Amino acid sequence: MLYRVLKPLSTGHKIGDVAPASEFRVEAIPRLLEVRALAELHAPPLRALPGWTRRAERLARLDIELADEFLECDEEVVATELKYKVKTIERWKAEVLQALRAPRTRRR
């Protein structure tokens, strides 16, 4: 599950950030949702992200089709299966997070 950060958090996440559930304590998530500090994010298919058609095709062979599935995958397993370096998969994950991030607005 992915979450969009709606309020600044002590974890260092800023408003608009996108983070997988693994970045939060399991017991804290219901409370963060209740106080509207987090909102569930329904992840798009990877192929919908700009420039991701070919990568999405490769990942689909591993049954990874949605952004949240990719962000929660084991980098080492994916790197081995696709014959890439782990750092490449980590970079791809950072790109997906950036693509899903809400644009920051300037306050006046």
PDB file of N, CA and C in Angstrom:
ATOM      1  N   MET A   1       0.849  -1.177   0.000  1.00  0.00           N
ATOM      2  CA  MET A   1       0.000   0.000   0.000  1.00  0.00           C
ATOM      3  C   MET A   1       0.892   1.236   0.000  1.00  0.00           C
ATOM      4  N   LEU A   2       0.487   2.229  -0.771  1.00  0.00           N
ATOM      5  CA  LEU A   2       1.171   3.509  -0.811  1.00  0.00           C
ATOM      6  C   LEU A   2       0.319   4.558  -0.120  1.00  0.00           C
ATOM      7  N   TYR A   3       1.006   5.526   0.462  1.00  0.00           N
ATOM      8  CA  TYR A   3       0.317   6.621   1.138  1.00  0.00           C
ATOM      9  C   TYR A   3       0.868   7.951   0.659  1.00  0.00           C
ATOM     10  N   ARG A   4      -0.017   8.952   0.559  1.00  0.00           N
ATOM     11  CA  ARG A   4       0.405  10.315   0.286  1.00  0.00           C
ATOM     12  C   ARG A   4       0.409  11.044   1.626  1.00  0.00           C
ATOM     13  N   VAL A   5       1.466  11.791   1.880  1.00  0.00           N
ATOM     14  CA  VAL A   5       1.605  12.539   3.125  1.00  0.00           C
ATOM     15  C   VAL A   5       0.840  13.856   2.980  1.00  0.00           C
ATOM     16  N   LEU A   6      -0.056  14.103   3.925  1.00  0.00           N
ATOM     17  CA  LEU A   6      -0.894  15.297   3.894  1.00  0.00           C
ATOM     18  C   LEU A   6      -0.474  16.350   4.910  1.00  0.00           C
ATOM     19  N   LYS A   7       0.307  15.923   5.909  1.00  0.00           N
ATOM     20  CA  LYS A   7       0.824  16.838   6.927  1.00  0.00           C
ATOM     21  C   LYS A   7       2.283  16.470   7.173  1.00  0.00           C
ATOM     22  N   PRO A   8       3.135  17.442   7.507  1.00  0.00           N
ATOM     23  CA  PRO A   8       4.537  17.108   7.801  1.00  0.00           C
ATOM     24  C   PRO A   8       4.599  16.094   8.955  1.00  0.00           C
ATOM     25  N   LEU A   9       5.496  15.124   8.828  1.00  0.00           N
ATOM     26  CA  LEU A   9       5.604  14.070   9.831  1.00  0.00           C
ATOM     27  C   LEU A   9       6.987  14.051  10.473  1.00  0.00           C
ATOM     28  N   SER A  10       7.052  13.538  11.676  1.00  0.00           N
ATOM     29  CA  SER A  10       8.330  13.435  12.375  1.00  0.00           C
ATOM     30  C   SER A  10       9.273  12.445  11.696  1.00  0.00           C
ATOM     31  N   THR A  11       8.765  11.665  10.764  1.00  0.00           N
ATOM     32  CA  THR A  11       9.592  10.720  10.008  1.00  0.00           C
ATOM     33  C   THR A  11      10.448  11.442   8.971  1.00  0.00           C
ATOM     34  N   GLY A  12      10.181  12.727   8.772  1.00  0.00           N
ATOM     35  CA  GLY A  12      10.904  13.495   7.767  1.00  0.00           C
ATOM     36  C   GLY A  12      10.135  13.633   6.467  1.00  0.00           C
ATOM     37  N   HIS A  13       9.013  12.940   6.351  1.00  0.00           N
ATOM     38  CA  HIS A  13       8.186  13.056   5.154  1.00  0.00           C
ATOM     39  C   HIS A  13       7.506  14.425   5.132  1.00  0.00           C
ATOM     40  N   LYS A  14       7.475  15.016   3.942  1.00  0.00           N
ATOM     41  CA  LYS A  14       6.871  16.327   3.757  1.00  0.00           C
ATOM     42  C   LYS A  14       5.534  16.188   3.035  1.00  0.00           C
ATOM     43  N   ILE A  15       4.740  17.240   3.101  1.00  0.00           N
ATOM     44  CA  ILE A  15       3.448  17.252   2.416  1.00  0.00           C
ATOM     45  C   ILE A  15       3.657  16.954   0.936  1.00  0.00           C
ATOM     46  N   GLY A  16       2.873  16.010   0.431  1.00  0.00           N
ATOM     47  CA  GLY A  16       2.956  15.639  -0.975  1.00  0.00           C
ATOM     48  C   GLY A  16       3.816  14.421  -1.234  1.00  0.00           C
ATOM     49  N   ASP A  17       4.662  14.045  -0.275  1.00  0.00           N
ATOM     50  CA  ASP A  17       5.499  12.863  -0.450  1.00  0.00           C
ATOM     51  C   ASP A  17       4.631  11.623  -0.598  1.00  0.00           C
ATOM     52  N   VAL A  18       5.173  10.642  -1.281  1.00  0.00           N
ATOM     53  CA  VAL A  18       4.544   9.338  -1.415  1.00  0.00           C
ATOM     54  C   VAL A  18       5.467   8.336  -0.744  1.00  0.00           C
ATOM     55  N   ALA A  19       4.899   7.456   0.071  1.00  0.00           N
ATOM     56  CA  ALA A  19       5.717   6.485   0.794  1.00  0.00           C
ATOM     57  C   ALA A  19       4.986   5.158   0.902  1.00  0.00           C
ATOM     58  N   PRO A  20       5.733   4.061   0.781  1.00  0.00           N
ATOM     59  CA  PRO A  20       5.125   2.748   0.992  1.00  0.00           C
ATOM     60  C   PRO A  20       4.858   2.529   2.478  1.00  0.00           C
ATOM     61  N   ALA A  21       3.937   1.639   2.768  1.00  0.00           N
ATOM     62  CA  ALA A  21       3.570   1.342   4.156  1.00  0.00           C
ATOM     63  C   ALA A  21       4.777   0.932   4.993  1.00  0.00           C
ATOM     64  N   SER A  22       5.750   0.316   4.363  1.00  0.00           N
ATOM     65  CA  SER A  22       6.932  -0.166   5.099  1.00  0.00           C
ATOM     66  C   SER A  22       7.734   0.959   5.754  1.00  0.00           C
ATOM     67  N   GLU A  23       7.482   2.197   5.369  1.00  0.00           N
ATOM     68  CA  GLU A  23       8.209   3.321   5.961  1.00  0.00           C
ATOM     69  C   GLU A  23       7.564   3.849   7.243  1.00  0.00           C
ATOM     70  N   PHE A  24       6.459   3.224   7.656  1.00  0.00           N
ATOM     71  CA  PHE A  24       5.759   3.652   8.866  1.00  0.00           C
ATOM     72  C   PHE A  24       5.575   2.465   9.798  1.00  0.00           C
ATOM     73  N   ARG A  25       5.474   2.736  11.080  1.00  0.00           N
ATOM     74  CA  ARG A  25       5.150   1.662  12.026  1.00  0.00           C
ATOM     75  C   ARG A  25       3.721   1.209  11.733  1.00  0.00           C
ATOM     76  N   VAL A  26       3.533  -0.074  11.677  1.00  0.00           N
ATOM     77  CA  VAL A  26       2.222  -0.643  11.335  1.00  0.00           C
ATOM     78  C   VAL A  26       1.141  -0.100  12.260  1.00  0.00           C
ATOM     79  N   GLU A  27       1.425  -0.009  13.539  1.00  0.00           N
ATOM     80  CA  GLU A  27       0.416   0.443  14.502  1.00  0.00           C
ATOM     81  C   GLU A  27       0.123   1.940  14.384  1.00  0.00           C
ATOM     82  N   ALA A  28       0.997   2.714  13.723  1.00  0.00           N
ATOM     83  CA  ALA A  28       0.786   4.157  13.594  1.00  0.00           C
ATOM     84  C   ALA A  28      -0.100   4.511  12.400  1.00  0.00           C
ATOM     85  N   ILE A  29      -0.163   3.658  11.410  1.00  0.00           N
ATOM     86  CA  ILE A  29      -0.883   3.987  10.181  1.00  0.00           C
ATOM     87  C   ILE A  29      -2.360   4.303  10.416  1.00  0.00           C
ATOM     88  N   PRO A  30      -3.122   3.497  11.176  1.00  0.00           N
ATOM     89  CA  PRO A  30      -4.536   3.847  11.378  1.00  0.00           C
ATOM     90  C   PRO A  30      -4.727   5.234  11.997  1.00  0.00           C
ATOM     91  N   ARG A  31      -3.872   5.589  12.940  1.00  0.00           N
ATOM     92  CA  ARG A  31      -3.985   6.902  13.585  1.00  0.00           C
ATOM     93  C   ARG A  31      -3.631   8.027  12.604  1.00  0.00           C
ATOM     94  N   LEU A  32      -2.589   7.812  11.797  1.00  0.00           N
ATOM     95  CA  LEU A  32      -2.203   8.818  10.809  1.00  0.00           C
ATOM     96  C   LEU A  32      -3.304   9.026   9.771  1.00  0.00           C
ATOM     97  N   LEU A  33      -4.000   7.961   9.430  1.00  0.00           N
ATOM     98  CA  LEU A  33      -5.139   8.080   8.516  1.00  0.00           C
ATOM     99  C   LEU A  33      -6.289   8.829   9.187  1.00  0.00           C
ATOM    100  N   GLU A  34      -6.521   8.500  10.456  1.00  0.00           N
ATOM    101  CA  GLU A  34      -7.620   9.116  11.209  1.00  0.00           C
ATOM    102  C   GLU A  34      -7.449  10.631  11.323  1.00  0.00           C
ATOM    103  N   VAL A  35      -6.232  11.089  11.582  1.00  0.00           N
ATOM    104  CA  VAL A  35      -5.987  12.527  11.741  1.00  0.00           C
ATOM    105  C   VAL A  35      -5.671  13.204  10.406  1.00  0.00           C
ATOM    106  N   ARG A  36      -5.843  12.449   9.341  1.00  0.00           N
ATOM    107  CA  ARG A  36      -5.634  12.939   7.977  1.00  0.00           C
ATOM    108  C   ARG A  36      -4.227  13.462   7.743  1.00  0.00           C
ATOM    109  N   ALA A  37      -3.260  12.755   8.321  1.00  0.00           N
ATOM    110  CA  ALA A  37      -1.855  13.049   8.046  1.00  0.00           C
ATOM    111  C   ALA A  37      -1.392  12.231   6.846  1.00  0.00           C
ATOM    112  N   LEU A  38      -2.097  11.128   6.589  1.00  0.00           N
ATOM    113  CA  LEU A  38      -1.830  10.258   5.443  1.00  0.00           C
ATOM    114  C   LEU A  38      -3.145   9.979   4.726  1.00  0.00           C
ATOM    115  N   ALA A  39      -3.028   9.665   3.445  1.00  0.00           N
ATOM    116  CA  ALA A  39      -4.174   9.196   2.665  1.00  0.00           C
ATOM    117  C   ALA A  39      -3.698   8.042   1.798  1.00  0.00           C
ATOM    118  N   GLU A  40      -4.545   7.042   1.642  1.00  0.00           N
ATOM    119  CA  GLU A  40      -4.199   5.931   0.758  1.00  0.00           C
ATOM    120  C   GLU A  40      -4.054   6.459  -0.659  1.00  0.00           C
ATOM    121  N   LEU A  41      -3.049   5.960  -1.343  1.00  0.00           N
ATOM    122  CA  LEU A  41      -2.821   6.347  -2.728  1.00  0.00           C
ATOM    123  C   LEU A  41      -3.051   5.119  -3.584  1.00  0.00           C
ATOM    124  N   HIS A  42      -3.925   5.240  -4.536  1.00  0.00           N
ATOM    125  CA  HIS A  42      -4.196   4.122  -5.434  1.00  0.00           C
ATOM    126  C   HIS A  42      -3.215   4.219  -6.589  1.00  0.00           C
ATOM    127  N   ALA A  43      -2.279   3.292  -6.590  1.00  0.00           N
ATOM    128  CA  ALA A  43      -1.156   3.345  -7.516  1.00  0.00           C
ATOM    129  C   ALA A  43      -1.582   3.085  -8.951  1.00  0.00           C
ATOM    130  N   PRO A  44      -1.029   3.863  -9.865  1.00  0.00           N
ATOM    131  CA  PRO A  44      -1.324   3.645 -11.280  1.00  0.00           C
ATOM    132  C   PRO A  44      -0.498   2.492 -11.838  1.00  0.00           C
ATOM    133  N   PRO A  45      -0.876   2.000 -12.995  1.00  0.00           N
ATOM    134  CA  PRO A  45      -0.019   1.014 -13.669  1.00  0.00           C
ATOM    135  C   PRO A  45       1.301   1.688 -14.046  1.00  0.00           C
ATOM    136  N   LEU A  46       2.384   0.952 -13.981  1.00  0.00           N
ATOM    137  CA  LEU A  46       3.680   1.508 -14.346  1.00  0.00           C
ATOM    138  C   LEU A  46       3.683   2.025 -15.776  1.00  0.00           C
ATOM    139  N   ARG A  47       2.981   1.356 -16.660  1.00  0.00           N
ATOM    140  CA  ARG A  47       2.971   1.767 -18.069  1.00  0.00           C
ATOM    141  C   ARG A  47       2.350   3.152 -18.255  1.00  0.00           C
ATOM    142  N   ALA A  48       1.600   3.642 -17.259  1.00  0.00           N
ATOM    143  CA  ALA A  48       0.984   4.966 -17.350  1.00  0.00           C
ATOM    144  C   ALA A  48       1.956   6.089 -16.999  1.00  0.00           C
ATOM    145  N   LEU A  49       3.091   5.735 -16.420  1.00  0.00           N
ATOM    146  CA  LEU A  49       4.069   6.755 -16.047  1.00  0.00           C
ATOM    147  C   LEU A  49       4.861   7.174 -17.280  1.00  0.00           C
ATOM    148  N   PRO A  50       5.155   8.462 -17.414  1.00  0.00           N
ATOM    149  CA  PRO A  50       5.895   8.936 -18.584  1.00  0.00           C
ATOM    150  C   PRO A  50       7.256   8.245 -18.713  1.00  0.00           C
ATOM    151  N   GLY A  51       7.520   7.703 -19.891  1.00  0.00           N
ATOM    152  CA  GLY A  51       8.807   7.065 -20.160  1.00  0.00           C
ATOM    153  C   GLY A  51       8.967   5.663 -19.604  1.00  0.00           C
ATOM    154  N   TRP A  52       7.888   5.057 -19.146  1.00  0.00           N
ATOM    155  CA  TRP A  52       7.986   3.757 -18.480  1.00  0.00           C
ATOM    156  C   TRP A  52       7.445   2.586 -19.289  1.00  0.00           C
ATOM    157  N   THR A  53       7.132   2.758 -20.541  1.00  0.00           N
ATOM    158  CA  THR A  53       6.532   1.678 -21.323  1.00  0.00           C
ATOM    159  C   THR A  53       7.419   0.436 -21.369  1.00  0.00           C
ATOM    160  N   ARG A  54       8.669   0.596 -21.734  1.00  0.00           N
ATOM    161  CA  ARG A  54       9.566  -0.571 -21.862  1.00  0.00           C
ATOM    162  C   ARG A  54       9.877  -1.201 -20.512  1.00  0.00           C
ATOM    163  N   ARG A  55      10.135  -0.364 -19.509  1.00  0.00           N
ATOM    164  CA  ARG A  55      10.410  -0.921 -18.176  1.00  0.00           C
ATOM    165  C   ARG A  55       9.188  -1.649 -17.646  1.00  0.00           C
ATOM    166  N   ALA A  56       8.001  -1.086 -17.890  1.00  0.00           N
ATOM    167  CA  ALA A  56       6.760  -1.725 -17.436  1.00  0.00           C
ATOM    168  C   ALA A  56       6.598  -3.092 -18.073  1.00  0.00           C
ATOM    169  N   GLU A  57       6.949  -3.204 -19.341  1.00  0.00           N
ATOM    170  CA  GLU A  57       6.865  -4.500 -20.024  1.00  0.00           C
ATOM    171  C   GLU A  57       7.798  -5.521 -19.372  1.00  0.00           C
ATOM    172  N   ARG A  58       9.013  -5.097 -19.065  1.00  0.00           N
ATOM    173  CA  ARG A  58       9.966  -6.010 -18.420  1.00  0.00           C
ATOM    174  C   ARG A  58       9.472  -6.448 -17.042  1.00  0.00           C
ATOM    175  N   LEU A  59       8.988  -5.498 -16.278  1.00  0.00           N
ATOM    176  CA  LEU A  59       8.522  -5.806 -14.926  1.00  0.00           C
ATOM    177  C   LEU A  59       7.251  -6.653 -14.943  1.00  0.00           C
ATOM    178  N   ALA A  60       6.426  -6.478 -15.965  1.00  0.00           N
ATOM    179  CA  ALA A  60       5.199  -7.273 -16.074  1.00  0.00           C
ATOM    180  C   ALA A  60       5.522  -8.763 -16.189  1.00  0.00           C
ATOM    181  N   ARG A  61       6.674  -9.089 -16.763  1.00  0.00           N
ATOM    182  CA  ARG A  61       7.086 -10.497 -16.845  1.00  0.00           C
ATOM    183  C   ARG A  61       7.297 -11.103 -15.454  1.00  0.00           C
ATOM    184  N   LEU A  62       7.485 -10.229 -14.464  1.00  0.00           N
ATOM    185  CA  LEU A  62       7.655 -10.674 -13.074  1.00  0.00           C
ATOM    186  C   LEU A  62       6.366 -10.460 -12.273  1.00  0.00           C
ATOM    187  N   ASP A  63       5.260 -10.227 -12.974  1.00  0.00           N
ATOM    188  CA  ASP A  63       3.956  -9.945 -12.349  1.00  0.00           C
ATOM    189  C   ASP A  63       3.974  -8.676 -11.514  1.00  0.00           C
ATOM    190  N   ILE A  64       4.758  -7.707 -11.930  1.00  0.00           N
ATOM    191  CA  ILE A  64       4.787  -6.391 -11.292  1.00  0.00           C
ATOM    192  C   ILE A  64       4.226  -5.412 -12.309  1.00  0.00           C
ATOM    193  N   GLU A  65       2.997  -4.952 -12.054  1.00  0.00           N
ATOM    194  CA  GLU A  65       2.342  -4.064 -13.018  1.00  0.00           C
ATOM    195  C   GLU A  65       1.963  -2.708 -12.444  1.00  0.00           C
ATOM    196  N   LEU A  66       1.749  -2.647 -11.137  1.00  0.00           N
ATOM    197  CA  LEU A  66       1.348  -1.388 -10.494  1.00  0.00           C
ATOM    198  C   LEU A  66       2.532  -0.752  -9.780  1.00  0.00           C
ATOM    199  N   ALA A  67       2.471   0.565  -9.644  1.00  0.00           N
ATOM    200  CA  ALA A  67       3.560   1.297  -8.996  1.00  0.00           C
ATOM    201  C   ALA A  67       3.815   0.797  -7.570  1.00  0.00           C
ATOM    202  N   ASP A  68       2.759   0.513  -6.818  1.00  0.00           N
ATOM    203  CA  ASP A  68       2.977   0.057  -5.442  1.00  0.00           C
ATOM    204  C   ASP A  68       3.620  -1.326  -5.400  1.00  0.00           C
ATOM    205  N   GLU A  69       3.276  -2.193  -6.344  1.00  0.00           N
ATOM    206  CA  GLU A  69       3.907  -3.519  -6.403  1.00  0.00           C
ATOM    207  C   GLU A  69       5.411  -3.365  -6.648  1.00  0.00           C
ATOM    208  N   PHE A  70       5.764  -2.442  -7.528  1.00  0.00           N
ATOM    209  CA  PHE A  70       7.175  -2.219  -7.821  1.00  0.00           C
ATOM    210  C   PHE A  70       7.896  -1.620  -6.622  1.00  0.00           C
ATOM    211  N   LEU A  71       7.296  -0.625  -5.974  1.00  0.00           N
ATOM    212  CA  LEU A  71       7.955   0.027  -4.842  1.00  0.00           C
ATOM    213  C   LEU A  71       8.141  -0.915  -3.659  1.00  0.00           C
ATOM    214  N   GLU A  72       7.321  -1.947  -3.567  1.00  0.00           N
ATOM    215  CA  GLU A  72       7.429  -2.892  -2.456  1.00  0.00           C
ATOM    216  C   GLU A  72       8.204  -4.157  -2.818  1.00  0.00           C
ATOM    217  N   CYS A  73       8.676  -4.251  -4.049  1.00  0.00           N
ATOM    218  CA  CYS A  73       9.394  -5.468  -4.465  1.00  0.00           C
ATOM    219  C   CYS A  73      10.800  -5.510  -3.876  1.00  0.00           C
ATOM    220  N   ASP A  74      11.381  -6.685  -3.881  1.00  0.00           N
ATOM    221  CA  ASP A  74      12.753  -6.893  -3.440  1.00  0.00           C
ATOM    222  C   ASP A  74      13.684  -6.529  -4.596  1.00  0.00           C
ATOM    223  N   GLU A  75      14.496  -5.486  -4.390  1.00  0.00           N
ATOM    224  CA  GLU A  75      15.375  -4.997  -5.457  1.00  0.00           C
ATOM    225  C   GLU A  75      16.325  -6.075  -5.965  1.00  0.00           C
ATOM    226  N   GLU A  76      16.846  -6.884  -5.055  1.00  0.00           N
ATOM    227  CA  GLU A  76      17.813  -7.914  -5.441  1.00  0.00           C
ATOM    228  C   GLU A  76      17.172  -8.968  -6.337  1.00  0.00           C
ATOM    229  N   VAL A  77      15.956  -9.370  -6.007  1.00  0.00           N
ATOM    230  CA  VAL A  77      15.260 -10.374  -6.815  1.00  0.00           C
ATOM    231  C   VAL A  77      14.989  -9.825  -8.212  1.00  0.00           C
ATOM    232  N   VAL A  78      14.472  -8.608  -8.281  1.00  0.00           N
ATOM    233  CA  VAL A  78      14.158  -7.998  -9.575  1.00  0.00           C
ATOM    234  C   VAL A  78      15.432  -7.792 -10.387  1.00  0.00           C
ATOM    235  N   ALA A  79      16.472  -7.297  -9.757  1.00  0.00           N
ATOM    236  CA  ALA A  79      17.738  -7.083 -10.459  1.00  0.00           C
ATOM    237  C   ALA A  79      18.275  -8.393 -11.030  1.00  0.00           C
ATOM    238  N   THR A  80      18.209  -9.445 -10.253  1.00  0.00           N
ATOM    239  CA  THR A  80      18.683 -10.751 -10.719  1.00  0.00           C
ATOM    240  C   THR A  80      17.844 -11.253 -11.881  1.00  0.00           C
ATOM    241  N   GLU A  81      16.540 -11.187 -11.747  1.00  0.00           N
ATOM    242  CA  GLU A  81      15.635 -11.691 -12.791  1.00  0.00           C
ATOM    243  C   GLU A  81      15.768 -10.915 -14.103  1.00  0.00           C
ATOM    244  N   LEU A  82      15.950  -9.601 -13.994  1.00  0.00           N
ATOM    245  CA  LEU A  82      16.030  -8.774 -15.197  1.00  0.00           C
ATOM    246  C   LEU A  82      17.465  -8.530 -15.662  1.00  0.00           C
ATOM    247  N   LYS A  83      18.420  -9.060 -14.890  1.00  0.00           N
ATOM    248  CA  LYS A  83      19.841  -8.906 -15.207  1.00  0.00           C
ATOM    249  C   LYS A  83      20.283  -7.440 -15.207  1.00  0.00           C
ATOM    250  N   TYR A  84      19.878  -6.741 -14.150  1.00  0.00           N
ATOM    251  CA  TYR A  84      20.287  -5.363 -13.920  1.00  0.00           C
ATOM    252  C   TYR A  84      21.011  -5.297 -12.581  1.00  0.00           C
ATOM    253  N   LYS A  85      21.662  -4.175 -12.325  1.00  0.00           N
ATOM    254  CA  LYS A  85      22.283  -3.946 -11.029  1.00  0.00           C
ATOM    255  C   LYS A  85      21.207  -3.474 -10.045  1.00  0.00           C
ATOM    256  N   VAL A  86      21.407  -3.811  -8.777  1.00  0.00           N
ATOM    257  CA  VAL A  86      20.464  -3.391  -7.739  1.00  0.00           C
ATOM    258  C   VAL A  86      20.338  -1.868  -7.730  1.00  0.00           C
ATOM    259  N   LYS A  87      21.428  -1.161  -7.940  1.00  0.00           N
ATOM    260  CA  LYS A  87      21.383   0.306  -7.945  1.00  0.00           C
ATOM    261  C   LYS A  87      20.447   0.833  -9.037  1.00  0.00           C
ATOM    262  N   THR A  88      20.352   0.122 -10.149  1.00  0.00           N
ATOM    263  CA  THR A  88      19.439   0.530 -11.221  1.00  0.00           C
ATOM    264  C   THR A  88      17.995   0.422 -10.747  1.00  0.00           C
ATOM    265  N   ILE A  89      17.678  -0.684 -10.077  1.00  0.00           N
ATOM    266  CA  ILE A  89      16.305  -0.864  -9.574  1.00  0.00           C
ATOM    267  C   ILE A  89      16.000   0.183  -8.511  1.00  0.00           C
ATOM    268  N   GLU A  90      16.960   0.488  -7.653  1.00  0.00           N
ATOM    269  CA  GLU A  90      16.772   1.526  -6.639  1.00  0.00           C
ATOM    270  C   GLU A  90      16.523   2.885  -7.302  1.00  0.00           C
ATOM    271  N   ARG A  91      17.252   3.185  -8.380  1.00  0.00           N
ATOM    272  CA  ARG A  91      17.069   4.438  -9.109  1.00  0.00           C
ATOM    273  C   ARG A  91      15.677   4.485  -9.739  1.00  0.00           C
ATOM    274  N   TRP A  92      15.251   3.351 -10.296  1.00  0.00           N
ATOM    275  CA  TRP A  92      13.910   3.290 -10.876  1.00  0.00           C
ATOM    276  C   TRP A  92      12.848   3.567  -9.813  1.00  0.00           C
ATOM    277  N   LYS A  93      13.046   2.993  -8.624  1.00  0.00           N
ATOM    278  CA  LYS A  93      12.076   3.222  -7.544  1.00  0.00           C
ATOM    279  C   LYS A  93      12.010   4.704  -7.188  1.00  0.00           C
ATOM    280  N   ALA A  94      13.161   5.353  -7.133  1.00  0.00           N
ATOM    281  CA  ALA A  94      13.189   6.790  -6.828  1.00  0.00           C
ATOM    282  C   ALA A  94      12.451   7.576  -7.917  1.00  0.00           C
ATOM    283  N   GLU A  95      12.594   7.152  -9.174  1.00  0.00           N
ATOM    284  CA  GLU A  95      11.888   7.808 -10.274  1.00  0.00           C
ATOM    285  C   GLU A  95      10.369   7.649 -10.135  1.00  0.00           C
ATOM    286  N   VAL A  96       9.931   6.463  -9.749  1.00  0.00           N
ATOM    287  CA  VAL A  96       8.496   6.227  -9.570  1.00  0.00           C
ATOM    288  C   VAL A  96       7.963   7.102  -8.437  1.00  0.00           C
ATOM    289  N   LEU A  97       8.676   7.146  -7.321  1.00  0.00           N
ATOM    290  CA  LEU A  97       8.237   7.992  -6.212  1.00  0.00           C
ATOM    291  C   LEU A  97       8.142   9.451  -6.644  1.00  0.00           C
ATOM    292  N   GLN A  98       9.118   9.915  -7.409  1.00  0.00           N
ATOM    293  CA  GLN A  98       9.103  11.295  -7.877  1.00  0.00           C
ATOM    294  C   GLN A  98       7.918  11.535  -8.807  1.00  0.00           C
ATOM    295  N   ALA A  99       7.620  10.574  -9.672  1.00  0.00           N
ATOM    296  CA  ALA A  99       6.496  10.712 -10.610  1.00  0.00           C
ATOM    297  C   ALA A  99       5.160  10.765  -9.878  1.00  0.00           C
ATOM    298  N   LEU A 100       5.064  10.068  -8.741  1.00  0.00           N
ATOM    299  CA  LEU A 100       3.814  10.021  -7.986  1.00  0.00           C
ATOM    300  C   LEU A 100       3.665  11.181  -7.008  1.00  0.00           C
ATOM    301  N   ARG A 101       4.740  11.873  -6.763  1.00  0.00           N
ATOM    302  CA  ARG A 101       4.748  12.957  -5.775  1.00  0.00           C
ATOM    303  C   ARG A 101       3.868  14.106  -6.234  1.00  0.00           C
ATOM    304  N   ALA A 102       3.111  14.644  -5.306  1.00  0.00           N
ATOM    305  CA  ALA A 102       2.282  15.819  -5.604  1.00  0.00           C
ATOM    306  C   ALA A 102       3.207  17.024  -5.749  1.00  0.00           C
ATOM    307  N   PRO A 103       2.927  17.887  -6.718  1.00  0.00           N
ATOM    308  CA  PRO A 103       3.767  19.068  -6.868  1.00  0.00           C
ATOM    309  C   PRO A 103       3.648  19.961  -5.638  1.00  0.00           C
ATOM    310  N   ARG A 104       4.758  20.508  -5.237  1.00  0.00           N
ATOM    311  CA  ARG A 104       4.748  21.425  -4.091  1.00  0.00           C
ATOM    312  C   ARG A 104       4.219  22.776  -4.547  1.00  0.00           C
ATOM    313  N   THR A 105       3.374  23.341  -3.716  1.00  0.00           N
ATOM    314  CA  THR A 105       2.846  24.662  -4.035  1.00  0.00           C
ATOM    315  C   THR A 105       3.477  25.666  -3.097  1.00  0.00           C
ATOM    316  N   ARG A 106       3.653  26.865  -3.598  1.00  0.00           N
ATOM    317  CA  ARG A 106       4.229  27.908  -2.771  1.00  0.00           C
ATOM    318  C   ARG A 106       3.116  28.621  -2.023  1.00  0.00           C
ATOM    319  N   ARG A 107       3.346  28.814  -0.758  1.00  0.00           N
ATOM    320  CA  ARG A 107       2.363  29.567   0.046  1.00  0.00           C
ATOM    321  C   ARG A 107       2.671  31.044  -0.060  1.00  0.00           C
ATOM    322  N   ARG A 108       1.629  31.814  -0.094  1.00  0.00           N
ATOM    323  CA  ARG A 108       1.815  33.276  -0.203  1.00  0.00           C
ATOM    324  C   ARG A 108       1.673  33.926   1.122  1.00  0.00           C
TER     325      ARG A 108
END
